[in-house]
Amino acid sequence: LGSSPVAPPGNGWIPIEVGSTQTKWVRAVASEYKIPLGNGRKLNDVIQFLIQDCGLTLVSDFFNNNSDATNPTNFAYDYATKFYKELVIWQKSDVKRQTRVITDSNGNEVTLEFKYATKAIIKLKDLLKWLNEMYNVQWAIFGNTFRVEHYTYWKSSRQNIIDLSQNERIKGKYNYKYLSEELPEKETWTWMEESDKSDFDGLPINYSETCSYNEDDAKDSEFNINKITTNVDFIIKNPTKISDDGFVIASTENNILISEIGRISNIIKINGANSLANLLYYLHRHGRPQRQGNMNGNDEIFYFPKPKRQGPDVIVPMCCDEVETFDTNFRVKTQMGWGDILSAKLKDPNGIMTISLLHE
């Protein structure tokens, strides 16, 4: 608890009793929980360990690892700077089984000690899937660099490079198909376990039926983060409802769990920055299938909606030096405008590249 015109050093401070010259600040921390922080592992260290045998080095502005400050300036990266610079991952049993002091039948206090986990089996592909569904991050390899960044990094780094709008090969190819089957009425995220029916469990993103693909057999989008639970407070207070299996990811600062206001409850919650409601609001308003939808019970406008118009494949002859410098992050211009590369196939040795594009 502090009192000053500005927030004290560190993250997670919440203003209360705002005055003309002084403001009281509070921050809920998990010092009341004897979580074995030393038995957790920094998320960045875990990723680096999993890629080291491939001779790769993790670089991420989003997760604050070997940062090179090439990220875009937006609210997603601002939020990551506040809460995702020191993410820690635990075997869930370490969070579930705390050192506890209980009173026995004779009225004596007894300290219960638990043996903490000594190993955790995890696959890189599974971890990257969970991180994508939680933080809306994607990865790519450049030389010896393994880069993990938010959706907006990759979107903003796409360059308008190849202009084929006047190419004879595309004349007359104005037809395209709209990928309507990829327009769900609802997107749902789920953790390994439900916990609070509020911020941590969150709500689905709902879209207008008019703009959605509404065939009888249409499927809504479901993202199952099937080995992660982030509601630390619930895990500790309800151990019988929580499996030993799986992992916990939490935001820390100087080895202390930090808190954040939940977007649905408007209540300060330990590790609230990793509640589903907050993850959706700060990180998943980019790259949604439609421009508008209802998130956390509120109507929102989304940014950089995923392109849905797929035109005919474009066939382009390429010289050897062009092939060597070709990047699927390039954007290609046709008579439909600039499009993102969905796929590119090279036919050797005649150097013919077949490119499939998606346009907004």
Protein backbone atom coordinates (compact mmCIF):
# COMPACT_ATOMS: atom_id res chain seq x y z
CA LEU A 1 0.00 0.00 0.00
CA GLY A 2 1.40 3.37 -0.99
CA SER A 3 0.21 6.99 -1.14
CA SER A 4 1.52 9.34 -3.83
CA PRO A 5 0.32 11.24 -6.93
CA VAL A 6 1.77 8.52 -9.18
CA ALA A 7 1.81 4.75 -8.90
CA PRO A 8 4.70 3.17 -6.97
CA PRO A 9 7.35 1.24 -8.94
CA GLY A 10 6.23 -2.05 -10.41
CA ASN A 11 3.08 -3.36 -12.08
CA GLY A 12 -0.40 -4.19 -10.89
CA TRP A 13 -1.03 -1.09 -8.74
CA ILE A 14 -4.67 0.00 -8.49
CA PRO A 15 -5.68 3.58 -7.47
CA ILE A 16 -8.16 4.01 -4.61
CA GLU A 17 -9.29 7.10 -2.68
CA VAL A 18 -8.15 9.48 -5.37
CA GLY A 19 -7.45 12.94 -3.96
CA SER A 20 -6.40 16.29 -5.39
CA THR A 21 -2.71 15.77 -4.52
CA GLN A 22 -2.43 12.24 -3.18
CA THR A 23 -3.77 8.90 -4.33
CA LYS A 24 -3.72 5.67 -2.38
CA TRP A 25 -2.50 2.69 -4.37
CA VAL A 26 -2.98 -1.01 -3.59
CA ARG A 27 -1.59 -4.13 -5.15
CA ALA A 28 -2.75 -7.64 -4.33
CA VAL A 29 0.20 -10.02 -4.23
CA ALA A 30 0.36 -13.71 -3.49
CA SER A 31 2.79 -13.52 -0.59
CA GLU A 32 0.12 -15.28 1.49
CA TYR A 33 0.66 -18.33 -0.70
CA LYS A 34 3.88 -20.23 -0.28
CA ILE A 35 4.12 -21.14 -3.94
CA PRO A 36 7.55 -22.60 -4.68
CA LEU A 37 8.56 -19.84 -7.09
CA GLY A 38 12.01 -21.36 -7.22
CA ASN A 39 10.50 -24.60 -8.50
CA GLY A 40 8.80 -22.85 -11.39
CA ARG A 41 10.60 -22.03 -14.59
CA LYS A 42 10.61 -18.83 -16.57
CA LEU A 43 8.57 -19.38 -19.70
CA ASN A 44 11.33 -17.96 -21.88
CA ASP A 45 13.84 -20.40 -20.39
CA VAL A 46 11.52 -23.32 -21.12
CA ILE A 47 11.11 -22.29 -24.77
CA GLN A 48 14.87 -21.79 -25.13
CA PHE A 49 15.53 -25.22 -23.62
CA LEU A 50 13.15 -26.85 -26.09
CA ILE A 51 14.76 -25.23 -29.15
CA GLN A 52 18.41 -25.29 -28.15
CA ASP A 53 19.19 -28.66 -29.75
CA CYS A 54 18.15 -27.13 -33.06
CA GLY A 55 20.77 -24.42 -32.67
CA LEU A 56 18.11 -21.72 -32.30
CA THR A 57 17.93 -18.66 -30.06
CA LEU A 58 14.63 -17.28 -28.79
CA VAL A 59 13.91 -13.66 -29.69
CA SER A 60 10.68 -12.05 -28.56
CA ASP A 61 9.73 -8.44 -27.98
CA PHE A 62 6.38 -9.69 -26.68
CA PHE A 63 7.86 -11.97 -23.99
CA ASN A 64 10.87 -9.70 -23.34
CA ASN A 65 13.59 -12.12 -24.45
CA ASN A 66 16.56 -10.82 -26.48
CA SER A 67 14.28 -7.94 -27.48
CA ASP A 68 15.30 -5.83 -30.47
CA ALA A 69 12.45 -3.28 -30.21
CA THR A 70 11.10 -4.00 -33.70
CA ASN A 71 7.56 -4.50 -32.40
CA PRO A 72 4.66 -2.24 -33.40
CA THR A 73 3.33 0.28 -30.89
CA ASN A 74 -0.14 -0.82 -29.76
CA PHE A 75 -2.14 -1.80 -26.69
CA ALA A 76 -1.25 -5.50 -27.04
CA TYR A 77 2.47 -4.81 -26.64
CA ASP A 78 1.81 -2.23 -23.93
CA TYR A 79 -0.06 -4.88 -21.94
CA ALA A 80 2.69 -7.43 -22.55
CA THR A 81 5.26 -4.97 -21.21
CA LYS A 82 3.24 -4.62 -18.01
CA PHE A 83 2.36 -8.25 -17.36
CA TYR A 84 4.17 -10.76 -19.58
CA LYS A 85 7.85 -9.86 -19.13
CA GLU A 86 8.37 -12.44 -16.36
CA LEU A 87 5.92 -15.24 -17.04
CA VAL A 88 6.57 -18.37 -14.99
CA ILE A 89 5.31 -21.89 -15.68
CA TRP A 90 4.82 -24.51 -12.95
CA GLN A 91 3.87 -28.13 -12.86
CA LYS A 92 0.31 -27.68 -11.57
CA SER A 93 0.83 -29.97 -8.60
CA ASP A 94 3.37 -27.47 -7.21
CA VAL A 95 0.73 -24.76 -7.09
CA LYS A 96 -2.00 -27.09 -5.89
CA ARG A 97 0.00 -28.58 -3.01
CA GLN A 98 1.09 -25.70 -0.84
CA THR A 99 2.97 -25.92 2.41
CA ARG A 100 0.10 -25.52 4.85
CA VAL A 101 -0.29 -24.98 8.59
CA ILE A 102 -3.29 -26.82 10.05
CA THR A 103 -4.64 -27.44 13.54
CA ASP A 104 -4.76 -31.10 14.58
CA SER A 105 -7.34 -32.74 16.86
CA ASN A 106 -5.34 -31.70 19.95
CA GLY A 107 -5.35 -28.04 18.97
CA ASN A 108 -1.70 -28.04 17.91
CA GLU A 109 -0.49 -26.35 14.75
CA VAL A 110 1.09 -28.77 12.29
CA THR A 111 2.99 -27.81 9.14
CA LEU A 112 2.21 -30.03 6.17
CA GLU A 113 5.10 -30.32 3.73
CA PHE A 114 4.67 -31.65 0.22
CA LYS A 115 7.21 -33.04 -2.19
CA TYR A 116 7.41 -30.80 -5.21
CA ALA A 117 7.67 -31.94 -8.82
CA THR A 118 11.10 -32.92 -10.12
CA LYS A 119 10.26 -33.10 -13.82
CA ALA A 120 7.67 -31.92 -16.31
CA ILE A 121 7.10 -33.54 -19.68
CA ILE A 122 6.15 -31.01 -22.33
CA LYS A 123 6.37 -30.86 -26.13
CA LEU A 124 7.34 -27.72 -28.01
CA LYS A 125 4.43 -28.03 -30.44
CA ASP A 126 1.95 -28.27 -27.54
CA LEU A 127 3.45 -25.30 -25.72
CA LEU A 128 3.36 -23.16 -28.88
CA LYS A 129 -0.28 -24.14 -29.45
CA TRP A 130 -1.21 -23.05 -25.91
CA LEU A 131 0.69 -19.78 -26.25
CA ASN A 132 -1.03 -19.05 -29.55
CA GLU A 133 -4.46 -19.63 -28.04
CA MET A 134 -3.67 -17.66 -24.88
CA TYR A 135 -1.61 -14.73 -26.15
CA ASN A 136 -2.40 -14.67 -29.90
CA VAL A 137 1.29 -15.14 -30.69
CA GLN A 138 2.84 -16.87 -33.69
CA TRP A 139 6.38 -18.05 -34.42
CA ALA A 140 8.83 -18.15 -37.31
CA ILE A 141 12.46 -19.11 -37.88
CA PHE A 142 14.94 -16.70 -39.45
CA GLY A 143 18.40 -18.24 -39.73
CA ASN A 144 19.31 -19.18 -36.15
CA THR A 145 16.55 -17.02 -34.64
CA PHE A 146 13.31 -18.49 -33.30
CA ARG A 147 10.95 -15.52 -33.17
CA VAL A 148 7.70 -15.48 -31.13
CA GLU A 149 5.52 -12.39 -31.46
CA HIS A 150 1.95 -11.17 -31.23
CA TYR A 151 -0.35 -11.30 -34.28
CA THR A 152 0.13 -7.57 -34.86
CA TYR A 153 3.89 -7.97 -35.25
CA TRP A 154 3.50 -10.27 -38.23
CA LYS A 155 0.66 -8.22 -39.69
CA SER A 156 2.58 -4.97 -39.50
CA SER A 157 5.77 -6.54 -40.85
CA ARG A 158 4.14 -7.71 -44.08
CA GLN A 159 5.59 -5.74 -46.96
CA ASN A 160 3.98 -4.79 -50.26
CA ILE A 161 6.67 -6.27 -52.49
CA ILE A 162 5.36 -8.07 -55.59
CA ASP A 163 3.11 -6.01 -57.89
CA LEU A 164 1.45 -8.22 -60.50
CA SER A 165 -1.51 -5.96 -61.15
CA GLN A 166 -0.36 -5.32 -64.73
CA ASN A 167 0.90 -8.82 -65.41
CA GLU A 168 -0.61 -10.50 -68.49
CA ARG A 169 -0.89 -13.78 -66.58
CA ILE A 170 -3.62 -12.49 -64.28
CA LYS A 171 -5.74 -10.57 -66.78
CA GLY A 172 -9.35 -11.67 -66.73
CA LYS A 173 -9.00 -13.56 -63.45
CA TYR A 174 -11.44 -11.49 -61.43
CA ASN A 175 -13.36 -14.35 -59.89
CA TYR A 176 -12.82 -15.25 -56.25
CA LYS A 177 -14.50 -17.25 -53.56
CA TYR A 178 -15.45 -15.98 -50.15
CA LEU A 179 -14.42 -18.36 -47.36
CA SER A 180 -17.76 -18.07 -45.63
CA GLU A 181 -17.35 -21.41 -43.87
CA GLU A 182 -14.64 -19.75 -41.78
CA LEU A 183 -17.11 -17.20 -40.37
CA PRO A 184 -18.37 -18.76 -37.12
CA GLU A 185 -21.17 -17.38 -35.03
CA LYS A 186 -19.15 -18.03 -31.90
CA GLU A 187 -15.55 -18.49 -30.78
CA THR A 188 -14.98 -20.25 -27.47
CA TRP A 189 -11.84 -20.67 -25.34
CA THR A 190 -11.59 -23.24 -22.54
CA TRP A 191 -8.93 -24.09 -19.96
CA MET A 192 -8.13 -27.52 -18.60
CA GLU A 193 -10.48 -26.78 -15.69
CA GLU A 194 -13.26 -24.29 -15.08
CA SER A 195 -12.82 -22.11 -12.05
CA ASP A 196 -14.84 -18.95 -11.46
CA LYS A 197 -17.57 -18.54 -14.11
CA SER A 198 -16.27 -15.01 -14.52
CA ASP A 199 -12.96 -13.46 -15.60
CA PHE A 200 -10.88 -16.63 -15.74
CA ASP A 201 -13.46 -18.77 -17.54
CA GLY A 202 -14.54 -15.83 -19.66
CA LEU A 203 -17.28 -15.69 -22.27
CA PRO A 204 -17.39 -16.72 -25.94
CA ILE A 205 -17.01 -14.10 -28.65
CA ASN A 206 -20.35 -13.92 -30.44
CA TYR A 207 -20.86 -12.64 -33.97
CA SER A 208 -23.91 -11.51 -35.89
CA GLU A 209 -25.88 -14.37 -37.42
CA THR A 210 -26.39 -12.28 -40.54
CA CYS A 211 -22.67 -12.17 -41.31
CA SER A 212 -21.85 -15.71 -40.16
CA TYR A 213 -21.87 -18.99 -42.01
CA ASN A 214 -25.19 -20.42 -40.87
CA GLU A 215 -25.49 -23.81 -42.54
CA ASP A 216 -26.97 -26.47 -40.28
CA ASP A 217 -23.67 -28.33 -40.06
CA ALA A 218 -21.52 -25.23 -39.54
CA LYS A 219 -19.11 -25.48 -36.64
CA ASP A 220 -18.22 -22.73 -34.20
CA SER A 221 -14.54 -22.17 -33.46
CA GLU A 222 -13.26 -23.80 -30.28
CA PHE A 223 -9.84 -23.24 -28.72
CA ASN A 224 -9.04 -25.80 -26.04
CA ILE A 225 -6.03 -24.83 -23.93
CA ASN A 226 -6.15 -28.34 -22.61
CA LYS A 227 -3.17 -28.46 -20.23
CA ILE A 228 -3.19 -24.97 -18.72
CA THR A 229 -5.02 -23.40 -15.79
CA THR A 230 -4.27 -19.82 -14.68
CA ASN A 231 -6.60 -19.15 -11.74
CA VAL A 232 -3.98 -19.52 -9.00
CA ASP A 233 -6.30 -18.51 -6.16
CA PHE A 234 -8.90 -21.12 -7.15
CA ILE A 235 -6.29 -23.86 -7.51
CA ILE A 236 -4.94 -23.28 -4.00
CA LYS A 237 -8.34 -22.96 -2.33
CA ASN A 238 -9.97 -25.87 -4.19
CA PRO A 239 -7.26 -28.54 -4.58
CA THR A 240 -9.75 -31.42 -4.78
CA LYS A 241 -11.28 -29.89 -7.93
CA ILE A 242 -7.93 -29.58 -9.69
CA SER A 243 -5.97 -32.31 -11.45
CA ASP A 244 -2.30 -32.90 -10.69
CA ASP A 245 -1.74 -33.04 -14.43
CA GLY A 246 -1.01 -29.96 -16.49
CA PHE A 247 0.62 -26.59 -15.92
CA VAL A 248 0.06 -23.13 -14.47
CA ILE A 249 1.28 -19.96 -16.19
CA ALA A 250 1.36 -16.76 -14.18
CA SER A 251 2.67 -13.19 -14.35
CA THR A 252 5.37 -12.36 -11.80
CA GLU A 253 7.58 -9.45 -10.89
CA ASN A 254 10.66 -9.93 -8.74
CA ASN A 255 9.40 -13.42 -7.82
CA ILE A 256 6.01 -12.14 -6.67
CA LEU A 257 2.73 -12.98 -8.35
CA ILE A 258 1.06 -9.80 -9.53
CA SER A 259 -2.60 -8.95 -9.88
CA GLU A 260 -4.85 -7.13 -12.32
CA ILE A 261 -8.48 -6.00 -12.52
CA GLY A 262 -10.69 -8.57 -14.26
CA ARG A 263 -12.45 -7.24 -17.38
CA ILE A 264 -15.77 -8.86 -16.44
CA SER A 265 -15.88 -8.61 -12.64
CA ASN A 266 -13.97 -5.31 -12.29
CA ILE A 267 -12.35 -6.91 -9.23
CA ILE A 268 -8.61 -7.15 -8.54
CA LYS A 269 -7.53 -10.77 -9.00
CA ILE A 270 -4.22 -12.52 -8.55
CA ASN A 271 -2.85 -13.35 -12.01
CA GLY A 272 -5.84 -11.53 -13.50
CA ALA A 273 -3.76 -10.56 -16.54
CA ASN A 274 -3.89 -14.24 -17.52
CA SER A 275 -7.64 -14.58 -17.06
CA LEU A 276 -9.45 -15.34 -20.28
CA ALA A 277 -11.47 -12.11 -20.18
CA ASN A 278 -8.29 -10.02 -20.07
CA LEU A 279 -6.41 -12.12 -22.60
CA LEU A 280 -9.25 -11.72 -25.09
CA TYR A 281 -9.67 -7.98 -24.58
CA TYR A 282 -6.02 -7.00 -24.75
CA LEU A 283 -4.62 -9.61 -27.13
CA HIS A 284 -7.41 -11.11 -29.24
CA ARG A 285 -9.13 -8.05 -30.62
CA HIS A 286 -6.72 -8.48 -33.53
CA GLY A 287 -7.13 -11.13 -36.21
CA ARG A 288 -10.72 -12.12 -35.59
CA PRO A 289 -12.79 -13.58 -38.44
CA GLN A 290 -15.15 -10.59 -38.48
CA ARG A 291 -14.86 -6.85 -37.89
CA GLN A 292 -17.44 -6.69 -35.09
CA GLY A 293 -18.53 -8.97 -32.30
CA ASN A 294 -19.55 -9.23 -28.68
CA MET A 295 -16.61 -9.85 -26.30
CA ASN A 296 -16.90 -10.09 -22.51
CA GLY A 297 -20.53 -9.02 -22.87
CA ASN A 298 -19.68 -5.82 -24.75
CA ASP A 299 -19.85 -4.96 -28.45
CA GLU A 300 -16.36 -4.41 -29.86
CA ILE A 301 -14.73 -3.37 -33.12
CA PHE A 302 -11.88 -5.71 -34.08
CA TYR A 303 -8.64 -4.85 -35.83
CA PHE A 304 -6.94 -6.55 -38.80
CA PRO A 305 -9.70 -9.09 -39.49
CA LYS A 306 -8.46 -12.23 -41.18
CA PRO A 307 -8.73 -11.97 -44.98
CA LYS A 308 -11.47 -14.16 -46.46
CA ARG A 309 -11.46 -13.58 -50.26
CA GLN A 310 -9.46 -16.22 -52.09
CA GLY A 311 -8.76 -15.55 -55.74
CA PRO A 312 -7.38 -17.91 -58.37
CA ASP A 313 -3.77 -19.03 -58.00
CA VAL A 314 -1.17 -16.72 -59.50
CA ILE A 315 1.64 -18.31 -61.53
CA VAL A 316 4.88 -16.32 -61.60
CA PRO A 317 8.25 -17.17 -63.20
CA MET A 318 11.13 -16.52 -60.81
CA CYS A 319 14.88 -16.40 -61.26
CA CYS A 320 17.22 -18.10 -58.82
CA ASP A 321 18.08 -14.90 -56.95
CA GLU A 322 14.39 -14.02 -56.62
CA VAL A 323 13.63 -17.46 -55.17
CA GLU A 324 16.41 -17.06 -52.60
CA THR A 325 15.00 -13.76 -51.36
CA PHE A 326 11.33 -14.76 -51.60
CA ASP A 327 9.46 -14.55 -48.29
CA THR A 328 5.89 -15.69 -47.61
CA ASN A 329 5.53 -12.58 -45.46
CA PHE A 330 5.59 -10.54 -48.67
CA ARG A 331 2.30 -9.17 -49.96
CA VAL A 332 1.33 -9.57 -53.60
CA LYS A 333 -0.79 -7.13 -55.59
CA THR A 334 -3.31 -8.33 -58.16
CA GLN A 335 -6.33 -6.59 -59.65
CA MET A 336 -8.04 -7.40 -56.30
CA GLY A 337 -5.49 -5.31 -54.42
CA TRP A 338 -2.73 -6.34 -52.04
CA GLY A 339 -3.14 -9.86 -50.69
CA ASP A 340 -1.46 -12.05 -48.08
CA ILE A 341 0.29 -15.21 -49.25
CA LEU A 342 -1.62 -18.30 -48.13
CA SER A 343 0.77 -20.75 -49.79
CA ALA A 344 3.55 -20.76 -52.36
CA LYS A 345 4.84 -23.75 -54.35
CA LEU A 346 8.00 -23.70 -56.47
CA LYS A 347 8.30 -25.96 -59.49
CA ASP A 348 11.95 -26.69 -60.19
CA PRO A 349 14.01 -26.49 -62.36
CA ASN A 350 11.95 -24.16 -64.55
CA GLY A 351 11.45 -21.67 -61.71
CA ILE A 352 7.65 -21.38 -61.72
CA MET A 353 6.06 -20.20 -58.47
CA THR A 354 2.37 -20.86 -57.85
CA ILE A 355 1.02 -18.47 -55.24
CA SER A 356 -2.34 -18.68 -53.45
CA LEU A 357 -3.54 -15.36 -52.01
CA LEU A 358 -6.08 -14.15 -49.49
CA HIS A 359 -7.56 -10.64 -49.73
CA GLU A 360 -9.55 -8.66 -47.20
